[in-house]
């Protein structure tokens, strides 16, 4: 998610991309804002899925 205690979702994404550059990261967030989606994708997220989410969309996003 984007808003979390201690470290926000963008910081988590940045840390994951730096430590594991080949891992796919999908952000699922209650903050369905275009600017957040754009930022996450520019930072290397595979997908940004707003809550409440459709399970079929999540499954599709997680396919390799």
PDB file of N, CA and C in Angstrom:
ATOM      1  N   UNK A   1       0.842  -1.184   0.000  1.00  0.00           N
ATOM      2  CA  UNK A   1       0.000   0.000   0.000  1.00  0.00           C
ATOM      3  C   UNK A   1       0.878   1.234   0.000  1.00  0.00           C
ATOM      4  N   UNK A   2       0.288   2.365  -0.247  1.00  0.00           N
ATOM      5  CA  UNK A   2       1.037   3.615  -0.276  1.00  0.00           C
ATOM      6  C   UNK A   2       1.224   4.168   1.126  1.00  0.00           C
ATOM      7  N   UNK A   3       0.153   4.251   1.899  1.00  0.00           N
ATOM      8  CA  UNK A   3       0.211   4.845   3.226  1.00  0.00           C
ATOM      9  C   UNK A   3       0.349   3.757   4.282  1.00  0.00           C
ATOM     10  N   UNK A   4       1.567   3.614   4.807  1.00  0.00           N
ATOM     11  CA  UNK A   4       1.842   2.621   5.847  1.00  0.00           C
ATOM     12  C   UNK A   4       2.705   3.275   6.917  1.00  0.00           C
ATOM     13  N   UNK A   5       2.646   2.764   8.145  1.00  0.00           N
ATOM     14  CA  UNK A   5       3.496   3.333   9.186  1.00  0.00           C
ATOM     15  C   UNK A   5       4.966   2.958   8.958  1.00  0.00           C
ATOM     16  N   UNK A   6       5.846   3.892   9.243  1.00  0.00           N
ATOM     17  CA  UNK A   6       7.273   3.598   9.169  1.00  0.00           C
ATOM     18  C   UNK A   6       7.890   3.818   7.804  1.00  0.00           C
ATOM     19  N   UNK A   7       7.298   3.249   6.779  1.00  0.00           N
ATOM     20  CA  UNK A   7       7.838   3.360   5.422  1.00  0.00           C
ATOM     21  C   UNK A   7       6.660   3.330   4.458  1.00  0.00           C
ATOM     22  N   UNK A   8       6.597   4.309   3.562  1.00  0.00           N
ATOM     23  CA  UNK A   8       5.459   4.301   2.637  1.00  0.00           C
ATOM     24  C   UNK A   8       5.718   3.335   1.474  1.00  0.00           C
ATOM     25  N   UNK A   9       4.704   3.096   0.701  1.00  0.00           N
ATOM     26  CA  UNK A   9       4.798   2.125  -0.390  1.00  0.00           C
ATOM     27  C   UNK A   9       5.838   2.470  -1.438  1.00  0.00           C
ATOM     28  N   UNK A  10       6.051   3.747  -1.682  1.00  0.00           N
ATOM     29  CA  UNK A  10       7.078   4.141  -2.647  1.00  0.00           C
ATOM     30  C   UNK A  10       8.470   3.821  -2.121  1.00  0.00           C
ATOM     31  N   UNK A  11       8.668   4.008  -0.826  1.00  0.00           N
ATOM     32  CA  UNK A  11       9.958   3.668  -0.213  1.00  0.00           C
ATOM     33  C   UNK A  11      10.198   2.161  -0.243  1.00  0.00           C
ATOM     34  N   UNK A  12       9.142   1.389   0.008  1.00  0.00           N
ATOM     35  CA  UNK A  12       9.258  -0.069  -0.078  1.00  0.00           C
ATOM     36  C   UNK A  12       9.597  -0.479  -1.505  1.00  0.00           C
ATOM     37  N   UNK A  13       8.907   0.100  -2.468  1.00  0.00           N
ATOM     38  CA  UNK A  13       9.171  -0.199  -3.872  1.00  0.00           C
ATOM     39  C   UNK A  13      10.620   0.132  -4.227  1.00  0.00           C
ATOM     40  N   UNK A  14      11.085   1.288  -3.823  1.00  0.00           N
ATOM     41  CA  UNK A  14      12.462   1.703  -4.109  1.00  0.00           C
ATOM     42  C   UNK A  14      13.477   0.739  -3.488  1.00  0.00           C
ATOM     43  N   UNK A  15      13.226   0.326  -2.260  1.00  0.00           N
ATOM     44  CA  UNK A  15      14.115  -0.613  -1.572  1.00  0.00           C
ATOM     45  C   UNK A  15      14.118  -1.969  -2.262  1.00  0.00           C
ATOM     46  N   UNK A  16      12.940  -2.460  -2.620  1.00  0.00           N
ATOM     47  CA  UNK A  16      12.853  -3.755  -3.306  1.00  0.00           C
ATOM     48  C   UNK A  16      13.551  -3.716  -4.661  1.00  0.00           C
ATOM     49  N   UNK A  17      13.325  -2.652  -5.425  1.00  0.00           N
ATOM     50  CA  UNK A  17      13.951  -2.545  -6.757  1.00  0.00           C
ATOM     51  C   UNK A  17      15.473  -2.476  -6.649  1.00  0.00           C
ATOM     52  N   UNK A  18      15.982  -1.814  -5.592  1.00  0.00           N
ATOM     53  CA  UNK A  18      17.430  -1.704  -5.400  1.00  0.00           C
ATOM     54  C   UNK A  18      18.041  -3.039  -4.973  1.00  0.00           C
ATOM     55  N   UNK A  19      17.350  -3.763  -4.095  1.00  0.00           N
ATOM     56  CA  UNK A  19      17.884  -5.024  -3.567  1.00  0.00           C
ATOM     57  C   UNK A  19      17.608  -6.209  -4.474  1.00  0.00           C
ATOM     58  N   UNK A  20      16.481  -6.187  -5.150  1.00  0.00           N
ATOM     59  CA  UNK A  20      16.056  -7.300  -6.003  1.00  0.00           C
ATOM     60  C   UNK A  20      15.571  -6.738  -7.343  1.00  0.00           C
ATOM     61  N   UNK A  21      16.478  -6.324  -8.210  1.00  0.00           N
ATOM     62  CA  UNK A  21      16.074  -5.623  -9.437  1.00  0.00           C
ATOM     63  C   UNK A  21      15.231  -6.448 -10.410  1.00  0.00           C
ATOM     64  N   UNK A  22      15.236  -7.763 -10.282  1.00  0.00           N
ATOM     65  CA  UNK A  22      14.460  -8.585 -11.218  1.00  0.00           C
ATOM     66  C   UNK A  22      13.101  -8.999 -10.672  1.00  0.00           C
ATOM     67  N   UNK A  23      12.820  -8.651  -9.419  1.00  0.00           N
ATOM     68  CA  UNK A  23      11.542  -9.049  -8.822  1.00  0.00           C
ATOM     69  C   UNK A  23      10.418  -8.152  -9.354  1.00  0.00           C
ATOM     70  N   UNK A  24       9.265  -8.746  -9.592  1.00  0.00           N
ATOM     71  CA  UNK A  24       8.080  -7.984  -9.997  1.00  0.00           C
ATOM     72  C   UNK A  24       7.361  -7.493  -8.748  1.00  0.00           C
ATOM     73  N   UNK A  25       7.011  -6.226  -8.729  1.00  0.00           N
ATOM     74  CA  UNK A  25       6.307  -5.628  -7.597  1.00  0.00           C
ATOM     75  C   UNK A  25       4.958  -5.110  -8.081  1.00  0.00           C
ATOM     76  N   UNK A  26       3.904  -5.541  -7.418  1.00  0.00           N
ATOM     77  CA  UNK A  26       2.553  -5.065  -7.698  1.00  0.00           C
ATOM     78  C   UNK A  26       2.086  -4.314  -6.462  1.00  0.00           C
ATOM     79  N   UNK A  27       1.701  -3.077  -6.639  1.00  0.00           N
ATOM     80  CA  UNK A  27       1.182  -2.278  -5.531  1.00  0.00           C
ATOM     81  C   UNK A  27      -0.332  -2.350  -5.545  1.00  0.00           C
ATOM     82  N   UNK A  28      -0.901  -2.701  -4.392  1.00  0.00           N
ATOM     83  CA  UNK A  28      -2.353  -2.713  -4.203  1.00  0.00           C
ATOM     84  C   UNK A  28      -2.633  -1.648  -3.157  1.00  0.00           C
ATOM     85  N   UNK A  29      -3.414  -0.634  -3.523  1.00  0.00           N
ATOM     86  CA  UNK A  29      -3.585   0.505  -2.630  1.00  0.00           C
ATOM     87  C   UNK A  29      -5.009   1.037  -2.608  1.00  0.00           C
ATOM     88  N   UNK A  30      -5.374   1.573  -1.478  1.00  0.00           N
ATOM     89  CA  UNK A  30      -6.654   2.246  -1.332  1.00  0.00           C
ATOM     90  C   UNK A  30      -6.630   3.650  -1.888  1.00  0.00           C
ATOM     91  N   UNK A  31      -5.454   4.110  -2.295  1.00  0.00           N
ATOM     92  CA  UNK A  31      -5.288   5.441  -2.860  1.00  0.00           C
ATOM     93  C   UNK A  31      -5.265   5.339  -4.380  1.00  0.00           C
ATOM     94  N   UNK A  32      -6.434   5.428  -4.976  1.00  0.00           N
ATOM     95  CA  UNK A  32      -6.571   5.293  -6.429  1.00  0.00           C
ATOM     96  C   UNK A  32      -6.397   6.658  -7.084  1.00  0.00           C
ATOM     97  N   UNK A  33      -5.137   7.098  -7.109  1.00  0.00           N
ATOM     98  CA  UNK A  33      -4.828   8.399  -7.707  1.00  0.00           C
ATOM     99  C   UNK A  33      -3.904   8.195  -8.900  1.00  0.00           C
ATOM    100  N   UNK A  34      -4.202   8.888  -9.976  1.00  0.00           N
ATOM    101  CA  UNK A  34      -3.405   8.756 -11.201  1.00  0.00           C
ATOM    102  C   UNK A  34      -1.948   9.112 -10.958  1.00  0.00           C
ATOM    103  N   UNK A  35      -1.685  10.150 -10.172  1.00  0.00           N
ATOM    104  CA  UNK A  35      -0.303  10.538  -9.918  1.00  0.00           C
ATOM    105  C   UNK A  35       0.448   9.454  -9.143  1.00  0.00           C
ATOM    106  N   UNK A  36      -0.239   8.746  -8.246  1.00  0.00           N
ATOM    107  CA  UNK A  36       0.396   7.634  -7.531  1.00  0.00           C
ATOM    108  C   UNK A  36       0.673   6.475  -8.488  1.00  0.00           C
ATOM    109  N   UNK A  37      -0.299   6.177  -9.352  1.00  0.00           N
ATOM    110  CA  UNK A  37      -0.106   5.105 -10.325  1.00  0.00           C
ATOM    111  C   UNK A  37       1.076   5.422 -11.232  1.00  0.00           C
ATOM    112  N   UNK A  38       1.116   6.645 -11.741  1.00  0.00           N
ATOM    113  CA  UNK A  38       2.212   7.051 -12.636  1.00  0.00           C
ATOM    114  C   UNK A  38       3.562   6.952 -11.934  1.00  0.00           C
ATOM    115  N   UNK A  39       3.636   7.438 -10.710  1.00  0.00           N
ATOM    116  CA  UNK A  39       4.896   7.403  -9.960  1.00  0.00           C
ATOM    117  C   UNK A  39       5.347   5.968  -9.729  1.00  0.00           C
ATOM    118  N   UNK A  40       4.433   5.093  -9.317  1.00  0.00           N
ATOM    119  CA  UNK A  40       4.781   3.693  -9.057  1.00  0.00           C
ATOM    120  C   UNK A  40       5.302   3.014 -10.327  1.00  0.00           C
ATOM    121  N   UNK A  41       4.656   3.261 -11.437  1.00  0.00           N
ATOM    122  CA  UNK A  41       5.076   2.634 -12.692  1.00  0.00           C
ATOM    123  C   UNK A  41       6.435   3.175 -13.138  1.00  0.00           C
ATOM    124  N   UNK A  42       6.664   4.472 -12.968  1.00  0.00           N
ATOM    125  CA  UNK A  42       7.961   5.060 -13.320  1.00  0.00           C
ATOM    126  C   UNK A  42       9.074   4.519 -12.428  1.00  0.00           C
ATOM    127  N   UNK A  43       8.712   4.162 -11.196  1.00  0.00           N
ATOM    128  CA  UNK A  43       9.704   3.620 -10.260  1.00  0.00           C
ATOM    129  C   UNK A  43       9.959   2.130 -10.489  1.00  0.00           C
ATOM    130  N   UNK A  44       9.191   1.510 -11.380  1.00  0.00           N
ATOM    131  CA  UNK A  44       9.443   0.120 -11.714  1.00  0.00           C
ATOM    132  C   UNK A  44       8.425  -0.892 -11.250  1.00  0.00           C
ATOM    133  N   UNK A  45       7.289  -0.434 -10.728  1.00  0.00           N
ATOM    134  CA  UNK A  45       6.236  -1.379 -10.352  1.00  0.00           C
ATOM    135  C   UNK A  45       5.694  -2.050 -11.606  1.00  0.00           C
ATOM    136  N   UNK A  46       5.356  -3.320 -11.480  1.00  0.00           N
ATOM    137  CA  UNK A  46       4.764  -4.039 -12.606  1.00  0.00           C
ATOM    138  C   UNK A  46       3.325  -3.592 -12.823  1.00  0.00           C
ATOM    139  N   UNK A  47       2.636  -3.282 -11.718  1.00  0.00           N
ATOM    140  CA  UNK A  47       1.234  -2.885 -11.814  1.00  0.00           C
ATOM    141  C   UNK A  47       0.848  -2.122 -10.563  1.00  0.00           C
ATOM    142  N   UNK A  48      -0.214  -1.357 -10.669  1.00  0.00           N
ATOM    143  CA  UNK A  48      -0.794  -0.618  -9.546  1.00  0.00           C
ATOM    144  C   UNK A  48      -2.282  -0.924  -9.582  1.00  0.00           C
ATOM    145  N   UNK A  49      -2.769  -1.597  -8.566  1.00  0.00           N
ATOM    146  CA  UNK A  49      -4.167  -2.027  -8.538  1.00  0.00           C
ATOM    147  C   UNK A  49      -4.872  -1.347  -7.371  1.00  0.00           C
ATOM    148  N   UNK A  50      -5.932  -0.587  -7.658  1.00  0.00           N
ATOM    149  CA  UNK A  50      -6.656   0.097  -6.580  1.00  0.00           C
ATOM    150  C   UNK A  50      -7.564  -0.863  -5.810  1.00  0.00           C
ATOM    151  N   UNK A  51      -7.735  -0.556  -4.511  1.00  0.00           N
ATOM    152  CA  UNK A  51      -8.676  -1.288  -3.665  1.00  0.00           C
ATOM    153  C   UNK A  51     -10.034  -0.612  -3.772  1.00  0.00           C
ATOM    154  N   UNK A  52     -11.106  -1.324  -3.596  1.00  0.00           N
ATOM    155  CA  UNK A  52     -11.143  -2.787  -3.558  1.00  0.00           C
ATOM    156  C   UNK A  52     -10.798  -3.334  -4.935  1.00  0.00           C
ATOM    157  N   UNK A  53     -10.068  -4.425  -4.936  1.00  0.00           N
ATOM    158  CA  UNK A  53      -9.572  -4.932  -6.208  1.00  0.00           C
ATOM    159  C   UNK A  53     -10.316  -6.176  -6.655  1.00  0.00           C
ATOM    160  N   UNK A  54     -10.288  -6.372  -7.942  1.00  0.00           N
ATOM    161  CA  UNK A  54     -10.875  -7.548  -8.579  1.00  0.00           C
ATOM    162  C   UNK A  54      -9.816  -8.653  -8.551  1.00  0.00           C
ATOM    163  N   UNK A  55     -10.144  -9.769  -7.950  1.00  0.00           N
ATOM    164  CA  UNK A  55      -9.197 -10.875  -7.812  1.00  0.00           C
ATOM    165  C   UNK A  55      -8.680 -11.340  -9.173  1.00  0.00           C
ATOM    166  N   UNK A  56      -9.524 -11.336 -10.173  1.00  0.00           N
ATOM    167  CA  UNK A  56      -9.069 -11.769 -11.500  1.00  0.00           C
ATOM    168  C   UNK A  56      -8.013 -10.809 -12.059  1.00  0.00           C
ATOM    169  N   UNK A  57      -8.142  -9.521 -11.773  1.00  0.00           N
ATOM    170  CA  UNK A  57      -7.119  -8.567 -12.225  1.00  0.00           C
ATOM    171  C   UNK A  57      -5.797  -8.822 -11.503  1.00  0.00           C
ATOM    172  N   UNK A  58      -5.854  -9.091 -10.221  1.00  0.00           N
ATOM    173  CA  UNK A  58      -4.637  -9.398  -9.468  1.00  0.00           C
ATOM    174  C   UNK A  58      -3.978 -10.661 -10.006  1.00  0.00           C
ATOM    175  N   UNK A  59      -4.779 -11.690 -10.234  1.00  0.00           N
ATOM    176  CA  UNK A  59      -4.230 -12.937 -10.783  1.00  0.00           C
ATOM    177  C   UNK A  59      -3.551 -12.688 -12.135  1.00  0.00           C
ATOM    178  N   UNK A  60      -4.190 -11.911 -12.996  1.00  0.00           N
ATOM    179  CA  UNK A  60      -3.636 -11.609 -14.303  1.00  0.00           C
ATOM    180  C   UNK A  60      -2.314 -10.847 -14.181  1.00  0.00           C
ATOM    181  N   UNK A  61      -2.278  -9.924 -13.260  1.00  0.00           N
ATOM    182  CA  UNK A  61      -1.066  -9.138 -13.051  1.00  0.00           C
ATOM    183  C   UNK A  61       0.079  -9.993 -12.531  1.00  0.00           C
ATOM    184  N   UNK A  62      -0.239 -11.006 -11.751  1.00  0.00           N
ATOM    185  CA  UNK A  62       0.802 -11.858 -11.158  1.00  0.00           C
ATOM    186  C   UNK A  62       1.312 -12.940 -12.085  1.00  0.00           C
ATOM    187  N   UNK A  63       0.643 -13.147 -13.215  1.00  0.00           N
ATOM    188  CA  UNK A  63       1.127 -14.136 -14.177  1.00  0.00           C
ATOM    189  C   UNK A  63       2.457 -13.671 -14.742  1.00  0.00           C
ATOM    190  N   UNK A  64       3.358 -14.628 -14.951  1.00  0.00           N
ATOM    191  CA  UNK A  64       4.669 -14.262 -15.510  1.00  0.00           C
ATOM    192  C   UNK A  64       4.707 -14.459 -16.993  1.00  0.00           C
TER     193      UNK A  64
END
